[in-house]
Protein backbone atom coordinates (compact mmCIF):
# COMPACT_ATOMS: atom_id res chain seq x y z
CA MET A 1 0.08 -0.07 0.10
CA LEU A 2 1.29 3.37 -1.10
CA THR A 3 1.74 5.78 1.74
CA SER A 4 1.26 9.79 1.45
CA LYS A 5 5.12 9.95 1.09
CA ASN A 6 5.33 7.53 -1.80
CA LEU A 7 2.35 9.20 -3.54
CA LEU A 8 4.00 12.35 -3.60
CA ILE A 9 7.15 10.90 -4.90
CA VAL A 10 5.23 9.26 -7.76
CA PHE A 11 3.51 12.69 -8.39
CA VAL A 12 6.74 14.39 -8.72
CA ALA A 13 8.32 11.85 -10.84
CA ILE A 14 5.37 11.92 -13.29
CA VAL A 15 5.49 15.84 -13.16
CA PHE A 16 9.20 15.68 -13.94
CA MET A 17 8.93 13.02 -16.75
CA SER A 18 6.08 15.39 -18.28
CA CYS A 19 8.41 18.63 -18.02
CA SER A 20 11.44 16.69 -19.52
CA LYS A 21 9.53 15.43 -22.54
CA TYR A 22 7.83 18.74 -23.25
CA ASN A 23 11.36 20.57 -22.95
CA ASN A 24 12.76 17.83 -25.11
CA VAL A 25 10.27 18.23 -27.93
CA LEU A 26 10.34 22.09 -27.31
CA ASN A 27 14.07 21.95 -27.93
CA LYS A 28 14.79 19.25 -30.35
CA GLY A 29 11.32 17.80 -31.59
CA THR A 30 10.34 17.95 -35.29
CA VAL A 31 7.83 20.17 -36.59
CA GLU A 32 5.24 17.54 -36.51
CA GLU A 33 6.13 16.40 -33.05
CA LYS A 34 5.68 20.12 -31.64
CA TYR A 35 2.20 20.15 -33.57
CA LYS A 36 1.15 16.96 -31.61
CA MET A 37 2.33 18.03 -28.41
CA ALA A 38 0.82 21.53 -28.76
CA THR A 39 -2.45 20.15 -29.60
CA VAL A 40 -2.63 17.69 -26.69
CA LEU A 41 -1.44 20.68 -24.30
CA TYR A 42 -4.21 22.98 -26.04
CA GLU A 43 -6.88 20.23 -25.27
CA ASP A 44 -5.61 19.73 -21.76
CA LYS A 45 -5.96 23.58 -21.21
CA LYS A 46 -2.24 24.20 -20.88
CA PHE A 47 -2.42 27.26 -23.03
CA ILE A 48 0.77 29.03 -22.11
CA LYS A 49 2.96 25.76 -23.10
CA ALA A 50 0.82 25.09 -26.34
CA LEU A 51 1.50 28.74 -27.33
CA ARG A 52 5.06 28.40 -27.07
CA LEU A 53 5.06 25.59 -29.59
CA PHE A 54 2.28 26.95 -31.82
CA GLU A 55 4.27 30.01 -32.38
CA MET A 56 7.65 27.97 -33.24
CA ILE A 57 5.66 25.78 -35.82
CA THR A 58 3.48 28.62 -37.43
CA PRO A 59 5.81 29.27 -40.08
CA ALA A 60 6.36 25.80 -41.22
CA TYR A 61 2.44 25.29 -41.60
CA LYS A 62 1.68 28.59 -43.40
CA GLY A 63 -0.36 27.81 -46.25
CA LYS A 64 -1.27 24.22 -45.46
CA PRO A 65 -4.66 22.90 -44.20
CA GLN A 66 -3.58 22.44 -40.54
CA MET A 67 -3.12 26.15 -40.52
CA GLU A 68 -6.58 27.06 -39.82
CA ARG A 69 -6.71 24.94 -36.92
CA ILE A 70 -3.58 26.15 -35.32
CA GLN A 71 -4.45 29.97 -35.80
CA TYR A 72 -8.11 29.20 -34.20
CA MET A 73 -6.27 27.43 -31.22
CA ILE A 74 -3.61 30.17 -31.01
CA SER A 75 -6.43 32.84 -30.94
CA GLN A 76 -8.26 30.88 -28.16
CA SER A 77 -5.43 30.22 -26.17
CA TYR A 78 -4.67 34.02 -25.99
CA PHE A 79 -8.40 34.31 -24.91
CA ASN A 80 -8.13 31.69 -22.13
CA THR A 81 -4.89 33.12 -20.80
CA LYS A 82 -6.53 36.47 -20.70
CA ASP A 83 -4.54 38.23 -23.04
CA TYR A 84 -7.59 39.80 -24.54
CA GLU A 85 -5.64 42.35 -26.67
CA SER A 86 -3.76 39.48 -28.61
CA ALA A 87 -6.90 37.31 -28.82
CA ALA A 88 -8.60 40.16 -30.47
CA TYR A 89 -5.93 40.58 -33.08
CA TYR A 90 -5.46 36.93 -33.81
CA PHE A 91 -9.29 36.17 -34.10
CA GLY A 92 -9.48 39.23 -36.17
CA ARG A 93 -6.64 37.59 -38.31
CA PHE A 94 -8.43 34.08 -38.26
CA VAL A 95 -11.59 35.80 -39.95
CA SER A 96 -9.66 37.67 -42.67
CA ASN A 97 -7.65 34.38 -43.35
CA TYR A 98 -10.71 31.78 -43.24
CA PRO A 99 -13.70 33.79 -44.25
CA ASN A 100 -15.61 30.52 -45.15
CA SER A 101 -14.54 28.88 -42.19
CA SER A 102 -17.15 26.91 -39.99
CA LYS A 103 -16.01 28.81 -36.85
CA ARG A 104 -16.12 32.35 -38.36
CA GLU A 105 -19.21 33.46 -36.52
CA GLU A 106 -17.79 32.20 -33.22
CA ALA A 107 -14.44 34.05 -34.10
CA GLU A 108 -16.12 37.29 -34.99
CA PHE A 109 -18.15 37.03 -31.79
CA THR A 110 -14.89 36.24 -29.61
CA THR A 111 -13.13 39.21 -31.50
CA ALA A 112 -15.71 41.59 -30.03
CA LYS A 113 -15.72 39.89 -26.84
CA SER A 114 -12.13 40.23 -26.43
CA HIS A 115 -12.13 43.73 -26.98
CA TYR A 116 -15.04 44.03 -24.48
CA MET A 117 -12.80 42.23 -22.07
CA ALA A 118 -9.95 44.65 -22.48
CA SER A 119 -12.09 47.56 -21.90
CA PRO A 120 -10.79 49.34 -18.70
CA LYS A 121 -12.94 51.14 -16.03
CA TYR A 122 -14.80 54.20 -17.21
CA SER A 123 -12.23 56.76 -15.69
CA LEU A 124 -9.56 55.43 -18.15
CA ASP A 125 -8.97 55.76 -21.87
CA GLN A 126 -12.04 54.09 -23.81
CA THR A 127 -10.56 53.38 -27.23
CA ALA A 128 -10.90 49.68 -26.54
CA THR A 129 -14.56 50.34 -25.41
CA ARG A 130 -15.34 51.86 -28.62
CA GLU A 131 -13.44 49.06 -30.58
CA ALA A 132 -15.52 46.56 -28.76
CA LEU A 133 -18.80 48.54 -29.34
CA ALA A 134 -17.69 48.72 -33.50
CA SER A 135 -17.06 44.98 -33.45
CA PHE A 136 -20.22 44.22 -31.78
CA GLN A 137 -22.08 46.29 -34.14
CA LYS A 138 -20.34 44.40 -36.95
CA TYR A 139 -21.19 41.12 -35.49
CA ILE A 140 -24.83 41.99 -34.77
CA ASN A 141 -25.41 43.25 -38.44
CA ALA A 142 -23.82 40.10 -39.93
CA TYR A 143 -25.62 37.60 -37.69
CA PRO A 144 -29.05 39.14 -36.61
CA ASP A 145 -30.52 35.64 -35.79
CA SER A 146 -27.48 34.42 -33.99
CA LYS A 147 -28.10 32.58 -30.66
CA ARG A 148 -25.30 34.69 -29.19
CA LEU A 149 -27.28 37.87 -29.74
CA PRO A 150 -28.53 38.18 -26.07
CA GLU A 151 -24.84 38.04 -24.92
CA ALA A 152 -23.85 40.25 -27.22
CA ASN A 153 -26.57 43.00 -26.58
CA GLN A 154 -25.93 42.66 -22.80
CA MET A 155 -22.06 43.56 -23.33
CA VAL A 156 -22.86 46.30 -25.83
CA PHE A 157 -25.37 47.71 -22.98
CA GLU A 158 -22.38 47.59 -20.50
CA LEU A 159 -20.06 49.27 -22.89
CA GLN A 160 -22.54 52.29 -23.73
CA TYR A 161 -23.13 52.64 -20.19
CA LYS A 162 -19.59 52.87 -19.38
CA LEU A 163 -19.13 55.56 -22.17
CA GLU A 164 -22.10 57.38 -20.89
CA THR A 165 -20.77 57.24 -17.23
CA LYS A 166 -17.43 58.81 -18.58
CA ALA A 167 -19.35 61.61 -20.20
CA PHE A 168 -21.29 62.27 -17.28
CA GLU A 169 -18.34 62.21 -14.87
CA ILE A 170 -16.58 64.61 -17.10
CA ALA A 171 -19.61 67.10 -17.54
CA LYS A 172 -19.88 66.83 -13.73
CA GLN A 173 -16.24 67.69 -12.91
CA TYR A 174 -16.69 70.78 -15.36
CA TYR A 175 -19.57 71.92 -13.06
CA ASP A 176 -17.70 71.13 -9.79
CA ILE A 177 -14.72 73.18 -10.70
CA GLY A 178 -16.84 76.24 -11.79
CA TYR A 179 -16.27 75.85 -15.60
CA TYR A 180 -19.99 76.19 -16.29
CA GLU A 181 -20.01 76.87 -19.93
CA SER A 182 -18.07 73.68 -20.54
CA ALA A 183 -20.50 71.81 -18.10
CA ILE A 184 -23.39 72.94 -20.32
CA THR A 185 -21.85 72.08 -23.35
CA SER A 186 -20.80 68.51 -21.90
CA PHE A 187 -24.05 67.74 -20.50
CA ASP A 188 -25.80 68.76 -23.91
CA ASN A 189 -23.47 66.38 -25.58
CA LEU A 190 -23.98 63.45 -23.21
CA THR A 191 -28.11 63.59 -23.93
CA SER A 192 -27.63 64.06 -27.63
CA GLU A 193 -24.96 61.38 -28.10
CA PHE A 194 -26.63 58.83 -26.06
CA LEU A 195 -30.56 59.57 -26.59
CA GLY A 196 -31.76 56.63 -24.27
CA THR A 197 -29.07 57.31 -21.37
CA SER A 198 -29.95 56.53 -17.82
CA TYR A 199 -28.19 59.77 -16.95
CA ARG A 200 -30.58 61.99 -19.05
CA GLU A 201 -32.84 63.31 -15.80
CA VAL A 202 -29.75 64.11 -13.75
CA ALA A 203 -27.93 65.54 -16.80
CA PHE A 204 -30.86 67.84 -17.39
CA PHE A 205 -30.74 68.96 -13.72
CA TYR A 206 -26.88 69.73 -13.88
CA LYS A 207 -27.28 71.58 -17.04
CA LEU A 208 -29.74 73.71 -15.34
CA LYS A 209 -27.54 74.24 -12.28
CA ALA A 210 -24.66 75.16 -14.42
CA SER A 211 -26.85 77.55 -16.44
CA TYR A 212 -28.13 79.21 -13.14
CA GLU A 213 -24.65 79.52 -11.72
CA LEU A 214 -23.35 80.95 -14.94
CA GLY A 215 -26.32 83.52 -15.34
CA ILE A 216 -26.38 84.47 -11.75
CA ARG A 217 -22.51 85.18 -11.78
CA SER A 218 -22.72 86.78 -14.98
CA THR A 219 -21.79 90.71 -15.84
CA TYR A 220 -24.72 93.05 -16.58
CA GLN A 221 -24.29 92.78 -20.33
CA LYS A 222 -24.75 89.06 -20.35
CA LYS A 223 -26.92 88.27 -17.29
CA TRP A 224 -30.34 88.64 -19.24
CA GLN A 225 -29.47 86.16 -21.98
CA ARG A 226 -27.73 83.55 -19.48
CA LEU A 227 -30.71 83.88 -17.12
CA THR A 228 -33.11 83.52 -19.94
CA ALA A 229 -31.14 80.05 -20.91
CA ALA A 230 -31.41 79.00 -17.23
CA GLU A 231 -35.26 79.43 -17.40
CA LYS A 232 -35.16 77.16 -20.55
CA ALA A 233 -33.23 74.62 -18.91
CA TYR A 234 -35.75 74.59 -16.00
CA GLU A 235 -38.66 74.28 -18.43
CA LYS A 236 -36.82 71.29 -20.18
CA LEU A 237 -36.38 69.57 -17.12
CA LYS A 238 -39.99 69.88 -15.73
CA ARG A 239 -41.50 69.17 -19.28
CA ASN A 240 -39.45 65.74 -19.45
CA TYR A 241 -39.65 64.89 -15.66
CA PRO A 242 -42.25 66.76 -13.73
CA GLU A 243 -42.12 64.34 -10.99
CA SER A 244 -38.28 64.68 -10.75
CA PRO A 245 -36.75 64.70 -7.20
CA TYR A 246 -34.78 67.43 -8.47
CA MET A 247 -37.87 69.80 -8.59
CA LYS A 248 -37.86 71.31 -5.43
CA GLU A 249 -34.26 72.79 -5.84
CA SER A 250 -35.11 73.62 -9.34
CA ASP A 251 -38.03 75.52 -8.36
CA ASN A 252 -35.89 77.53 -5.87
CA MET A 253 -33.62 78.18 -8.67
CA LEU A 254 -36.24 79.42 -11.06
CA LYS A 255 -37.69 81.72 -8.32
CA ARG A 256 -34.14 83.31 -7.96
CA ILE A 257 -33.85 83.79 -11.88
CA LYS A 258 -36.95 85.42 -11.85
CA GLU A 259 -35.95 87.75 -9.04
CA GLU A 260 -32.57 88.66 -10.92
CA LYS A 261 -34.56 89.28 -14.32
CA ALA A 262 -36.93 91.73 -12.32
CA ILE A 263 -33.94 93.56 -10.99
CA LEU A 264 -32.55 94.05 -14.47
CA ILE A 265 -35.63 95.71 -15.64
CA SER A 266 -36.49 97.72 -12.68
């Protein structure tokens, strides 16, 4: 009967033999041996080791039938090791190189999903987010009846919300630091670019606040025009959200706006 110590020795021996075989094929194996071992490693989910071998044999299989499978496994290996930028690149190449492949739809979907996974938090540069949205739009247009459509639409929603959040936070930052004209422009851009945004109500409210502050603080020459713009911002908020929790504060601002305008014409 094997003891725990003996079991450990057997396990270590198996691991050593496995590593030794891998290193032998890696350093001295033929192209065919590397291909076979890379495939076995890929199927065993040992993607990093598989990638080293696949990268070594790619030049030898260029233009051969096996290359389609190799390129797919390389792409999937990068995705499974969470190197999403590389995965997006290689899946994109796969689609270009094998437009008639049975795995084309899957590859196009995973290209977009790789961009989605590479998309950073909203406060950082959103280039990858926009690339993901473009990839998903291309996929949705090409495969409108795909079974993957619900998942694609969910990721599109999350990506768009991330862009909306970034746009809102930039606009609010302008308001917070007193750059009211920039804030007004940014809130307008937010609601026009993202028509169904969940930030619409609060964006209308902060546009009113920025317009109010700008009007109240303006010089005599500009005050009437800016206070009138603030009134219009109030009317837009009330027309669209008459039961808004922001209406009490908005009503107080409107009262002050009317008082200031009354002083100007007195």
